[in-house]
N, C-alpha and C. Protein backbone atom coordinates (compact mmCIF):
# COMPACT_ATOMS: atom_id res chain seq x y z
N MET A 1 -16.30 -26.96 8.23
CA MET A 1 -15.68 -26.06 7.49
C MET A 1 -16.07 -25.29 6.60
N GLU A 2 -17.10 -24.99 5.64
CA GLU A 2 -18.16 -24.08 5.27
C GLU A 2 -18.35 -23.13 5.71
N ILE A 3 -18.84 -23.50 7.18
CA ILE A 3 -19.01 -22.19 7.81
C ILE A 3 -17.81 -21.12 8.08
N SER A 4 -16.42 -21.75 8.31
CA SER A 4 -15.18 -20.95 8.61
C SER A 4 -15.11 -20.10 7.36
N LEU A 5 -14.85 -20.81 6.06
CA LEU A 5 -14.78 -20.20 4.53
C LEU A 5 -16.15 -19.29 4.47
N SER A 6 -16.87 -19.04 4.55
CA SER A 6 -18.03 -18.26 4.69
C SER A 6 -17.86 -17.05 5.58
N LEU A 7 -17.23 -17.29 6.98
CA LEU A 7 -17.11 -16.22 7.72
C LEU A 7 -15.63 -15.46 7.02
N LEU A 8 -14.84 -16.25 6.81
CA LEU A 8 -13.64 -15.67 5.68
C LEU A 8 -14.00 -14.65 4.82
N ASN A 9 -14.57 -15.23 3.86
CA ASN A 9 -15.15 -14.55 2.85
C ASN A 9 -15.77 -13.26 3.16
N ARG A 10 -16.95 -13.38 4.10
CA ARG A 10 -17.62 -12.11 4.98
C ARG A 10 -16.57 -11.20 4.96
N HIS A 11 -15.91 -11.64 6.13
CA HIS A 11 -14.42 -10.70 6.63
C HIS A 11 -13.63 -9.82 5.18
N LYS A 12 -13.03 -10.44 4.56
CA LYS A 12 -12.59 -10.21 3.49
C LYS A 12 -13.57 -8.98 2.49
N SER A 13 -14.53 -9.45 2.25
CA SER A 13 -15.90 -8.84 1.46
C SER A 13 -15.59 -7.15 2.72
N ARG A 14 -15.91 -7.36 3.87
CA ARG A 14 -16.06 -6.21 4.61
C ARG A 14 -14.48 -5.28 4.66
N ILE A 15 -13.20 -5.67 4.40
CA ILE A 15 -11.92 -5.52 4.12
C ILE A 15 -12.10 -4.88 3.04
N ILE A 16 -12.40 -4.98 1.99
CA ILE A 16 -12.46 -4.41 0.47
C ILE A 16 -13.17 -3.54 0.58
N TRP A 17 -14.61 -3.57 1.00
CA TRP A 17 -15.33 -2.38 1.06
C TRP A 17 -14.58 -1.26 1.76
N THR A 18 -14.25 -1.35 2.91
CA THR A 18 -13.54 -0.32 3.88
C THR A 18 -12.92 0.28 2.81
N ILE A 19 -12.03 -0.55 2.35
CA ILE A 19 -10.62 -0.04 1.55
C ILE A 19 -11.21 1.14 0.73
N ILE A 20 -12.25 0.59 -0.13
CA ILE A 20 -13.25 1.70 -1.15
C ILE A 20 -13.84 2.50 -0.37
N ILE A 21 -14.25 2.42 0.54
CA ILE A 21 -14.75 3.84 1.06
C ILE A 21 -13.72 4.90 1.50
N LEU A 22 -12.61 4.24 1.95
CA LEU A 22 -11.17 5.07 2.63
C LEU A 22 -10.66 5.85 1.16
N LEU A 23 -11.15 4.98 0.12
CA LEU A 23 -10.02 5.65 -1.05
C LEU A 23 -11.16 6.78 -1.69
N MET A 24 -12.36 6.84 -1.59
CA MET A 24 -13.67 7.26 -2.28
C MET A 24 -13.74 8.76 -1.37
N PHE A 25 -13.31 8.38 0.33
CA PHE A 25 -13.33 9.44 0.86
C PHE A 25 -11.89 10.54 0.90
N TRP A 26 -10.84 9.92 0.47
CA TRP A 26 -9.74 10.30 0.16
C TRP A 26 -10.17 11.25 -1.24
N TYR A 27 -10.25 10.35 -2.19
CA TYR A 27 -10.66 11.33 -3.90
C TYR A 27 -11.09 12.09 -3.66
N ILE A 28 -12.46 12.65 -2.89
CA ILE A 28 -13.72 13.41 -2.64
C ILE A 28 -13.55 14.45 -1.37
N GLY A 29 -12.55 14.09 -0.45
CA GLY A 29 -12.36 14.86 0.43
C GLY A 29 -11.18 15.57 0.93
N ILE A 30 -10.00 14.52 0.53
CA ILE A 30 -8.89 14.94 1.03
C ILE A 30 -7.78 15.37 -0.12
N ARG A 31 -7.89 15.30 -1.36
CA ARG A 31 -7.47 15.45 -2.60
C ARG A 31 -7.31 16.71 -2.99
N PRO A 32 -8.40 17.42 -3.32
CA PRO A 32 -8.66 18.59 -3.36
C PRO A 32 -8.07 19.48 -2.38
N GLU A 33 -8.54 19.02 -1.36
CA GLU A 33 -7.32 20.03 -0.19
C GLU A 33 -6.18 20.13 -0.60
N MET A 34 -5.42 19.14 -0.96
CA MET A 34 -3.85 18.58 -1.49
C MET A 34 -3.42 19.55 -2.57
N ARG A 35 -4.39 19.40 -3.40
CA ARG A 35 -4.36 20.78 -4.47
C ARG A 35 -4.20 21.81 -4.09
N ILE A 36 -5.51 22.26 -3.38
CA ILE A 36 -5.35 23.92 -2.88
C ILE A 36 -4.57 24.02 -2.33
N SER A 37 -3.86 23.14 -1.47
CA SER A 37 -2.28 23.74 -0.86
C SER A 37 -1.49 24.08 -1.18
N GLU A 38 -1.18 22.76 -2.44
CA GLU A 38 -0.46 23.10 -3.29
C GLU A 38 -0.27 24.52 -4.21
N LEU A 39 -1.05 24.66 -4.54
CA LEU A 39 -1.89 26.28 -5.43
C LEU A 39 -1.32 27.41 -4.16
N ARG A 40 -1.71 27.19 -3.12
CA ARG A 40 -1.57 28.07 -1.65
C ARG A 40 0.27 28.02 -1.69
N ASN A 41 0.61 27.14 -1.65
CA ASN A 41 2.12 27.51 -1.05
C ASN A 41 3.11 27.49 -2.23
N ASP A 42 2.95 27.05 -3.43
CA ASP A 42 3.64 26.95 -4.73
C ASP A 42 3.63 27.76 -6.11
N GLY A 43 2.20 28.42 -6.09
CA GLY A 43 1.69 28.77 -6.95
C GLY A 43 2.15 30.42 -7.15
N LYS A 44 1.78 30.72 -8.37
CA LYS A 44 2.17 32.04 -8.84
C LYS A 44 1.11 33.03 -9.42
N GLN A 45 0.90 34.47 -8.95
CA GLN A 45 -0.47 34.93 -9.22
C GLN A 45 0.07 35.56 -10.60
N THR A 46 -1.32 36.10 -11.29
CA THR A 46 -1.41 36.14 -12.33
C THR A 46 -2.60 37.01 -12.74
N LYS A 47 -2.52 37.82 -13.60
CA LYS A 47 -4.32 38.36 -14.04
C LYS A 47 -5.08 37.36 -14.92
N ALA A 48 -6.20 37.18 -15.24
CA ALA A 48 -6.77 36.55 -16.19
C ALA A 48 -8.06 37.17 -16.45
N TYR A 49 -8.57 36.87 -17.91
CA TYR A 49 -9.60 37.85 -18.36
C TYR A 49 -10.57 36.97 -18.69
N LEU A 50 -11.98 37.12 -18.34
CA LEU A 50 -12.89 36.76 -18.32
C LEU A 50 -13.77 36.90 -19.73
N TYR A 51 -13.65 35.65 -20.28
CA TYR A 51 -14.27 35.70 -21.88
C TYR A 51 -15.46 35.46 -21.62
N GLU A 52 -16.52 34.59 -21.05
CA GLU A 52 -17.39 34.21 -21.08
C GLU A 52 -18.07 34.12 -19.56
N VAL A 53 -19.06 34.72 -19.49
CA VAL A 53 -20.49 34.96 -18.09
C VAL A 53 -21.21 34.20 -18.65
N LYS A 54 -21.61 33.20 -17.85
CA LYS A 54 -22.85 32.55 -18.31
C LYS A 54 -23.47 31.91 -17.08
N GLY A 55 -24.73 31.78 -16.59
CA GLY A 55 -25.63 31.31 -15.49
C GLY A 55 -25.24 29.56 -16.11
N VAL A 56 -25.05 28.60 -15.13
CA VAL A 56 -25.13 27.46 -15.38
C VAL A 56 -26.14 26.67 -14.21
N GLY A 57 -26.54 25.22 -14.59
CA GLY A 57 -27.15 25.11 -13.50
C GLY A 57 -28.55 25.09 -13.35
N SER A 58 -29.23 24.45 -12.32
CA SER A 58 -30.68 25.00 -12.32
C SER A 58 -30.55 26.07 -10.83
N LYS A 59 -29.68 25.89 -10.48
CA LYS A 59 -29.47 27.27 -9.15
C LYS A 59 -29.04 28.42 -8.88
N GLY A 60 -28.90 28.95 -10.87
CA GLY A 60 -28.60 29.91 -10.79
C GLY A 60 -27.14 30.79 -10.62
N THR A 61 -26.07 29.39 -10.53
CA THR A 61 -24.47 29.69 -10.46
C THR A 61 -24.36 30.80 -11.62
N ILE A 62 -23.65 31.57 -11.15
CA ILE A 62 -22.88 32.60 -12.38
C ILE A 62 -21.42 32.03 -12.82
N ARG A 63 -20.83 31.48 -13.94
CA ARG A 63 -19.46 30.61 -14.01
C ARG A 63 -19.00 31.43 -14.98
N GLY A 64 -17.84 32.11 -14.62
CA GLY A 64 -16.90 32.83 -15.63
C GLY A 64 -15.89 31.85 -15.99
N PHE A 65 -15.58 32.23 -17.22
CA PHE A 65 -14.39 31.31 -17.80
C PHE A 65 -13.44 32.19 -18.01
N TYR A 66 -12.42 32.02 -17.65
CA TYR A 66 -11.29 33.14 -18.19
C TYR A 66 -9.96 32.29 -18.89
N ARG A 67 -9.12 33.08 -19.78
CA ARG A 67 -8.04 32.98 -19.75
C ARG A 67 -6.97 33.41 -19.59
N PHE A 68 -5.31 32.92 -19.27
CA PHE A 68 -3.94 33.53 -19.33
C PHE A 68 -3.33 33.46 -19.98
N LYS A 69 -2.32 34.10 -20.14
CA LYS A 69 -1.10 33.46 -21.00
C LYS A 69 0.30 33.60 -20.05
N ILE A 70 1.05 32.03 -20.02
CA ILE A 70 1.98 32.19 -19.61
C ILE A 70 3.29 31.75 -20.69
N ASN A 71 4.08 32.66 -20.82
CA ASN A 71 5.19 31.96 -21.71
C ASN A 71 4.62 31.93 -23.48
N ASN A 72 3.76 32.56 -23.39
CA ASN A 72 3.20 32.53 -24.92
C ASN A 72 1.89 31.67 -25.20
N LYS A 73 2.12 30.86 -24.10
CA LYS A 73 0.51 30.42 -24.42
C LYS A 73 -0.34 30.32 -23.65
N LEU A 74 -1.48 30.04 -23.89
CA LEU A 74 -3.12 30.68 -23.18
C LEU A 74 -3.52 29.37 -22.47
N TYR A 75 -4.04 29.94 -21.36
CA TYR A 75 -4.27 28.21 -20.22
C TYR A 75 -5.54 29.17 -20.13
N GLU A 76 -6.48 27.95 -19.88
CA GLU A 76 -7.99 28.22 -19.09
C GLU A 76 -8.27 27.80 -17.85
N GLY A 77 -9.47 28.20 -17.51
CA GLY A 77 -10.10 28.00 -16.46
C GLY A 77 -11.50 28.52 -16.02
N PHE A 78 -11.89 27.94 -14.78
CA PHE A 78 -13.03 28.87 -14.31
C PHE A 78 -13.94 28.80 -13.19
N TYR A 79 -14.55 30.14 -12.86
CA TYR A 79 -14.48 30.28 -11.52
C TYR A 79 -16.06 30.71 -11.20
N ASP A 80 -16.60 30.24 -9.79
CA ASP A 80 -17.97 30.94 -9.45
C ASP A 80 -18.65 31.55 -8.81
N ASP A 81 -18.98 33.07 -9.33
CA ASP A 81 -19.15 34.05 -8.39
C ASP A 81 -20.14 35.02 -8.85
N TYR A 82 -21.31 35.18 -8.24
CA TYR A 82 -22.21 35.93 -8.51
C TYR A 82 -22.26 37.06 -9.42
N LYS A 83 -20.80 37.71 -9.16
CA LYS A 83 -19.83 39.26 -9.20
C LYS A 83 -19.13 39.32 -10.81
N LEU A 84 -19.17 38.44 -10.95
CA LEU A 84 -18.27 38.41 -12.38
C LEU A 84 -19.09 39.01 -13.45
N VAL A 85 -18.26 39.90 -14.26
CA VAL A 85 -18.43 40.25 -15.33
C VAL A 85 -17.86 39.96 -16.69
N LYS A 86 -18.12 40.01 -17.38
CA LYS A 86 -17.74 39.56 -18.90
C LYS A 86 -16.44 40.96 -18.94
N TYR A 87 -15.50 40.03 -19.52
CA TYR A 87 -14.02 41.25 -19.99
C TYR A 87 -13.62 41.70 -18.74
N ASP A 88 -14.21 41.07 -17.58
CA ASP A 88 -13.40 41.91 -16.39
C ASP A 88 -12.05 41.39 -16.15
N SER A 89 -11.34 41.10 -15.46
CA SER A 89 -10.28 40.66 -15.10
C SER A 89 -10.28 40.05 -13.79
N ILE A 90 -9.55 38.71 -13.28
CA ILE A 90 -9.27 38.66 -11.94
C ILE A 90 -8.37 37.71 -11.43
N ASP A 91 -7.88 37.60 -10.38
CA ASP A 91 -6.19 37.56 -10.18
C ASP A 91 -6.52 36.08 -10.24
N ILE A 92 -5.22 35.29 -10.20
CA ILE A 92 -5.61 33.81 -10.52
C ILE A 92 -4.48 33.41 -9.93
N ILE A 93 -4.24 32.33 -9.30
CA ILE A 93 -2.71 31.38 -9.23
C ILE A 93 -2.86 30.24 -9.71
N TYR A 94 -1.29 29.76 -10.49
CA TYR A 94 -1.05 28.91 -11.08
C TYR A 94 0.03 28.39 -10.65
N LEU A 95 0.48 26.78 -11.19
CA LEU A 95 1.51 26.38 -10.42
C LEU A 95 2.46 26.74 -11.90
N PRO A 96 3.82 27.18 -11.82
CA PRO A 96 4.57 27.13 -12.78
C PRO A 96 5.12 26.43 -13.42
N ASP A 97 5.27 25.19 -12.87
CA ASP A 97 5.62 23.91 -13.96
C ASP A 97 4.80 23.40 -14.24
N ASN A 98 3.08 23.38 -14.36
CA ASN A 98 2.19 23.39 -14.49
C ASN A 98 0.98 24.11 -14.61
N PRO A 99 1.08 24.97 -15.39
CA PRO A 99 0.06 26.33 -15.47
C PRO A 99 -1.58 25.71 -15.68
N GLU A 100 -1.79 24.41 -16.06
CA GLU A 100 -3.21 24.27 -16.28
C GLU A 100 -3.93 23.72 -15.08
N ARG A 101 -2.78 23.69 -14.10
CA ARG A 101 -3.25 23.67 -12.93
C ARG A 101 -3.60 25.14 -12.01
N ASN A 102 -4.78 25.77 -12.58
CA ASN A 102 -4.75 27.26 -11.79
C ASN A 102 -6.53 27.14 -11.02
N GLN A 103 -6.65 28.37 -10.38
CA GLN A 103 -7.92 28.58 -9.73
C GLN A 103 -8.13 30.07 -9.69
N ALA A 104 -9.04 30.27 -9.04
CA ALA A 104 -8.88 31.92 -9.35
C ALA A 104 -8.32 32.27 -7.53
N LYS A 105 -7.91 33.18 -7.35
CA LYS A 105 -7.15 33.75 -6.33
C LYS A 105 -8.04 33.62 -5.33
N GLN A 106 -9.43 34.34 -5.60
CA GLN A 106 -10.41 34.12 -4.22
C GLN A 106 -10.79 32.55 -3.64
N PHE A 107 -11.01 31.92 -4.63
CA PHE A 107 -10.98 30.85 -4.33
C PHE A 107 -9.98 30.18 -3.42
N VAL A 108 -8.93 29.87 -3.92
CA VAL A 108 -7.82 29.46 -3.27
C VAL A 108 -7.53 30.40 -1.74
N LYS A 109 -8.06 31.26 -1.59
CA LYS A 109 -8.09 32.04 -0.39
C LYS A 109 -9.27 31.71 0.69
N ASP A 110 -10.27 31.71 0.21
CA ASP A 110 -11.46 31.20 0.78
C ASP A 110 -11.39 29.67 1.28
N TYR A 111 -10.98 28.78 0.44
CA TYR A 111 -11.07 27.20 0.71
C TYR A 111 -10.33 26.80 1.74
């Protein structure tokens, strides 16, 4: 009887770990694709202006921080690209019902 309970517990444990791994895979791999697809399909384009460009991390990544205005409200985002220059403008894509969900147009295009 104890052996069958032990096997049952091992089986339950494997199922739980499989579910956890699948959820992690979805969260890391599939979820970002869904967000980019939503921007690609439902997003609107506008101009954003880079207010800060700086190196981040130890690999020399250049990150530009941008702002844009929708309905007299400011929103922000960032984009990594070595060609960014402070005060330049870039095209961004945002969701009309939630402009906080935004991304550089080039990122959406390349994803």
